[in-house]
């Protein structure tokens, strides 16, 4: 694996900004015309804070975005026709997508009680949001590794995507997971 010429902080910051911008556009394009709730903070700030509190890895974030993109037609149809407030809320559905991606990629992951603490929601609501999203995407959470690699490259605009936390403390290599291969240490030049 080639060495990266930027510092770890710069890479984190650049990649985080890029992915957050793309996720905001995706969420707003799917939900904005149908959202009736008032925002207390911007979608960008919400996503940034959620990623920071959950110490989400790049791969988990990318998979969460893939779930939204891959199921966009189902989501758009459901948002237009449902009365379910969870489906009508892009932030709740993004949260569910992130939770499911984390559970899919990581052997050790947060329980819904921890997600409730991270988001300041009740555990019951976290459970309902998760179930609602899984039903919405027809429980289709498998992603072909080749498709995921192409998706990662498309999102980040780079040939190699590294698996590390976007914000916060680096997880141990035991907790990191990439769907296409085992992780090897990545050297970053300061």
Protein backbone atom coordinates (compact mmCIF):
# COMPACT_ATOMS: atom_id res chain seq x y z
CA UNK A 1 0.00 0.00 0.00
CA UNK A 2 1.52 3.37 -0.99
CA UNK A 3 2.40 5.93 1.63
CA UNK A 4 0.23 9.01 1.87
CA UNK A 5 2.01 12.32 1.69
CA UNK A 6 -0.26 14.32 3.97
CA UNK A 7 -0.45 14.39 7.70
CA UNK A 8 -3.01 12.21 9.44
CA UNK A 9 -4.93 15.26 10.71
CA UNK A 10 -5.08 16.79 7.24
CA UNK A 11 -6.26 13.53 5.74
CA UNK A 12 -8.89 13.11 8.43
CA UNK A 13 -10.06 16.69 8.02
CA UNK A 14 -10.14 16.58 4.22
CA UNK A 15 -11.85 13.20 4.01
CA UNK A 16 -14.31 14.09 6.76
CA UNK A 17 -15.27 17.37 5.10
CA UNK A 18 -15.74 15.72 1.73
CA UNK A 19 -17.87 12.88 3.06
CA UNK A 20 -19.96 15.16 5.27
CA UNK A 21 -20.64 17.49 2.34
CA UNK A 22 -21.73 14.57 0.19
CA UNK A 23 -23.88 13.09 2.95
CA UNK A 24 -25.64 16.42 3.54
CA UNK A 25 -26.43 16.69 -0.18
CA UNK A 26 -27.71 13.13 -0.22
CA UNK A 27 -29.90 13.54 2.86
CA UNK A 28 -31.30 16.87 1.71
CA UNK A 29 -32.04 15.58 -1.79
CA UNK A 30 -33.95 12.61 -0.40
CA UNK A 31 -35.77 14.27 2.50
CA UNK A 32 -35.73 18.07 2.33
CA UNK A 33 -38.88 18.58 0.25
CA UNK A 34 -40.84 16.39 2.69
CA UNK A 35 -39.34 17.42 6.03
CA UNK A 36 -41.69 19.35 8.30
CA UNK A 37 -39.57 19.49 11.46
CA UNK A 38 -37.53 22.51 12.46
CA UNK A 39 -33.76 22.07 12.61
CA UNK A 40 -31.95 23.15 15.75
CA UNK A 41 -28.52 22.61 14.16
CA UNK A 42 -27.47 22.22 10.54
CA UNK A 43 -27.43 18.78 8.99
CA UNK A 44 -23.67 19.12 8.56
CA UNK A 45 -23.19 19.86 12.27
CA UNK A 46 -25.52 17.00 13.20
CA UNK A 47 -23.55 14.51 11.10
CA UNK A 48 -20.20 15.82 12.34
CA UNK A 49 -21.28 15.53 15.98
CA UNK A 50 -22.76 12.05 15.46
CA UNK A 51 -19.55 10.82 13.81
CA UNK A 52 -17.42 12.33 16.56
CA UNK A 53 -19.47 10.88 19.42
CA UNK A 54 -19.68 7.43 17.84
CA UNK A 55 -16.03 7.37 16.69
CA UNK A 56 -17.26 6.12 13.34
CA UNK A 57 -14.70 4.72 10.91
CA UNK A 58 -14.48 5.85 7.33
CA UNK A 59 -15.71 2.46 6.08
CA UNK A 60 -18.77 2.53 8.33
CA UNK A 61 -19.63 6.06 7.20
CA UNK A 62 -19.20 5.08 3.55
CA UNK A 63 -21.39 2.00 3.99
CA UNK A 64 -24.09 4.06 5.70
CA UNK A 65 -24.09 6.42 2.73
CA UNK A 66 -24.19 3.46 0.35
CA UNK A 67 -27.32 2.15 2.07
CA UNK A 68 -29.00 5.52 1.56
CA UNK A 69 -27.87 5.87 -2.05
CA UNK A 70 -28.59 2.27 -3.04
CA UNK A 71 -32.11 2.49 -1.59
CA UNK A 72 -32.88 6.04 -2.71
CA UNK A 73 -35.87 5.05 -4.87
CA UNK A 74 -37.46 3.11 -2.01
CA UNK A 75 -36.72 5.96 0.36
CA UNK A 76 -38.17 8.62 -1.96
CA UNK A 77 -41.32 6.58 -2.50
CA UNK A 78 -41.76 5.92 1.21
CA UNK A 79 -41.13 9.55 2.16
CA UNK A 80 -43.86 10.66 -0.26
CA UNK A 81 -46.46 8.16 0.89
CA UNK A 82 -45.89 7.31 4.55
CA UNK A 83 -47.15 8.96 7.69
CA UNK A 84 -44.32 7.40 9.71
CA UNK A 85 -42.40 10.31 11.29
CA UNK A 86 -39.14 8.32 11.37
CA UNK A 87 -39.16 7.71 7.62
CA UNK A 88 -39.93 11.38 7.04
CA UNK A 89 -36.85 12.41 9.04
CA UNK A 90 -33.60 12.23 7.07
CA UNK A 91 -31.51 12.54 10.21
CA UNK A 92 -33.23 9.61 11.91
CA UNK A 93 -32.82 7.47 8.79
CA UNK A 94 -29.16 8.48 8.49
CA UNK A 95 -28.68 7.50 12.14
CA UNK A 96 -30.30 4.12 11.46
CA UNK A 97 -28.14 3.62 8.38
CA UNK A 98 -25.02 4.44 10.41
CA UNK A 99 -26.01 2.05 13.20
CA UNK A 100 -26.69 -0.78 10.77
CA UNK A 101 -23.45 -0.16 8.87
CA UNK A 102 -21.54 -0.23 12.14
CA UNK A 103 -23.17 -3.49 13.20
CA UNK A 104 -22.53 -5.02 9.78
CA UNK A 105 -18.83 -4.14 9.60
CA UNK A 106 -17.70 -4.40 13.22
CA UNK A 107 -17.47 -7.49 15.39
CA UNK A 108 -17.64 -5.36 18.52
CA UNK A 109 -20.17 -2.60 18.18
CA UNK A 110 -22.36 -0.35 20.26
CA UNK A 111 -25.59 -1.67 21.67
CA UNK A 112 -28.68 0.41 21.04
CA UNK A 113 -28.47 1.70 24.61
CA UNK A 114 -25.14 3.35 23.76
CA UNK A 115 -26.55 4.79 20.54
CA UNK A 116 -29.34 6.25 22.67
CA UNK A 117 -26.77 7.87 24.96
CA UNK A 118 -24.81 9.22 21.98
CA UNK A 119 -27.89 10.74 20.37
CA UNK A 120 -29.80 11.67 23.54
CA UNK A 121 -32.77 9.64 22.32
CA UNK A 122 -34.65 6.92 24.18
CA UNK A 123 -33.62 3.30 23.58
CA UNK A 124 -37.16 2.50 22.44
CA UNK A 125 -36.94 5.20 19.77
CA UNK A 126 -33.52 3.92 18.63
CA UNK A 127 -35.02 0.42 18.30
CA UNK A 128 -37.97 1.74 16.30
CA UNK A 129 -35.76 3.82 14.01
CA UNK A 130 -33.50 0.84 13.33
CA UNK A 131 -36.40 -1.53 12.63
CA UNK A 132 -38.12 1.03 10.44
CA UNK A 133 -35.00 1.53 8.32
CA UNK A 134 -34.35 -2.21 7.99
CA UNK A 135 -37.91 -2.74 6.77
CA UNK A 136 -37.58 0.22 4.42
CA UNK A 137 -34.48 -1.28 2.77
CA UNK A 138 -36.03 -4.76 2.87
CA UNK A 139 -33.25 -5.98 5.22
CA UNK A 140 -30.86 -5.80 2.25
CA UNK A 141 -27.57 -4.95 3.99
CA UNK A 142 -25.06 -7.09 2.09
CA UNK A 143 -22.77 -5.21 -0.28
CA UNK A 144 -20.52 -6.96 -2.76
CA UNK A 145 -16.91 -6.09 -1.81
CA UNK A 146 -16.08 -4.98 -5.36
CA UNK A 147 -19.10 -2.67 -5.43
CA UNK A 148 -18.13 -1.29 -2.02
CA UNK A 149 -14.57 -0.59 -3.17
CA UNK A 150 -15.85 1.28 -6.22
CA UNK A 151 -18.33 3.19 -4.03
CA UNK A 152 -15.52 4.17 -1.65
CA UNK A 153 -13.37 5.40 -4.51
CA UNK A 154 -16.27 7.37 -5.94
CA UNK A 155 -17.05 9.00 -2.59
CA UNK A 156 -13.50 9.99 -1.78
CA UNK A 157 -12.21 10.58 -5.26
CA UNK A 158 -9.07 8.58 -4.58
CA UNK A 159 -7.82 5.14 -5.66
CA UNK A 160 -7.24 3.80 -2.14
CA UNK A 161 -9.54 4.31 0.81
CA UNK A 162 -8.08 3.85 4.27
CA UNK A 163 -10.03 2.53 7.21
CA UNK A 164 -9.63 4.72 10.29
CA UNK A 165 -11.87 6.81 12.49
CA UNK A 166 -12.87 10.01 10.78
CA UNK A 167 -13.02 11.97 14.00
CA UNK A 168 -11.76 11.18 17.44
CA UNK A 169 -9.55 8.50 18.89
CA UNK A 170 -8.06 5.81 16.66
CA UNK A 171 -9.60 2.42 17.29
CA UNK A 172 -7.39 -0.58 17.83
CA UNK A 173 -6.84 -2.73 14.77
CA UNK A 174 -8.98 -5.44 16.37
CA UNK A 175 -12.00 -3.16 16.19
CA UNK A 176 -11.38 -1.96 12.64
CA UNK A 177 -12.83 -3.90 9.75
CA UNK A 178 -12.86 -3.55 6.02
CA UNK A 179 -15.26 -5.70 3.98
CA UNK A 180 -12.76 -6.59 1.26
CA UNK A 181 -9.55 -7.40 3.09
CA UNK A 182 -7.83 -7.57 6.44
CA UNK A 183 -6.23 -4.35 7.53
CA UNK A 184 -2.52 -3.83 7.47
CA UNK A 185 -0.91 -0.95 9.30
CA UNK A 186 -1.06 2.25 7.28
CA UNK A 187 1.92 4.58 7.54
CA UNK A 188 1.15 8.25 7.27
CA UNK A 189 3.94 10.78 6.84
CA UNK A 190 3.65 13.69 9.29
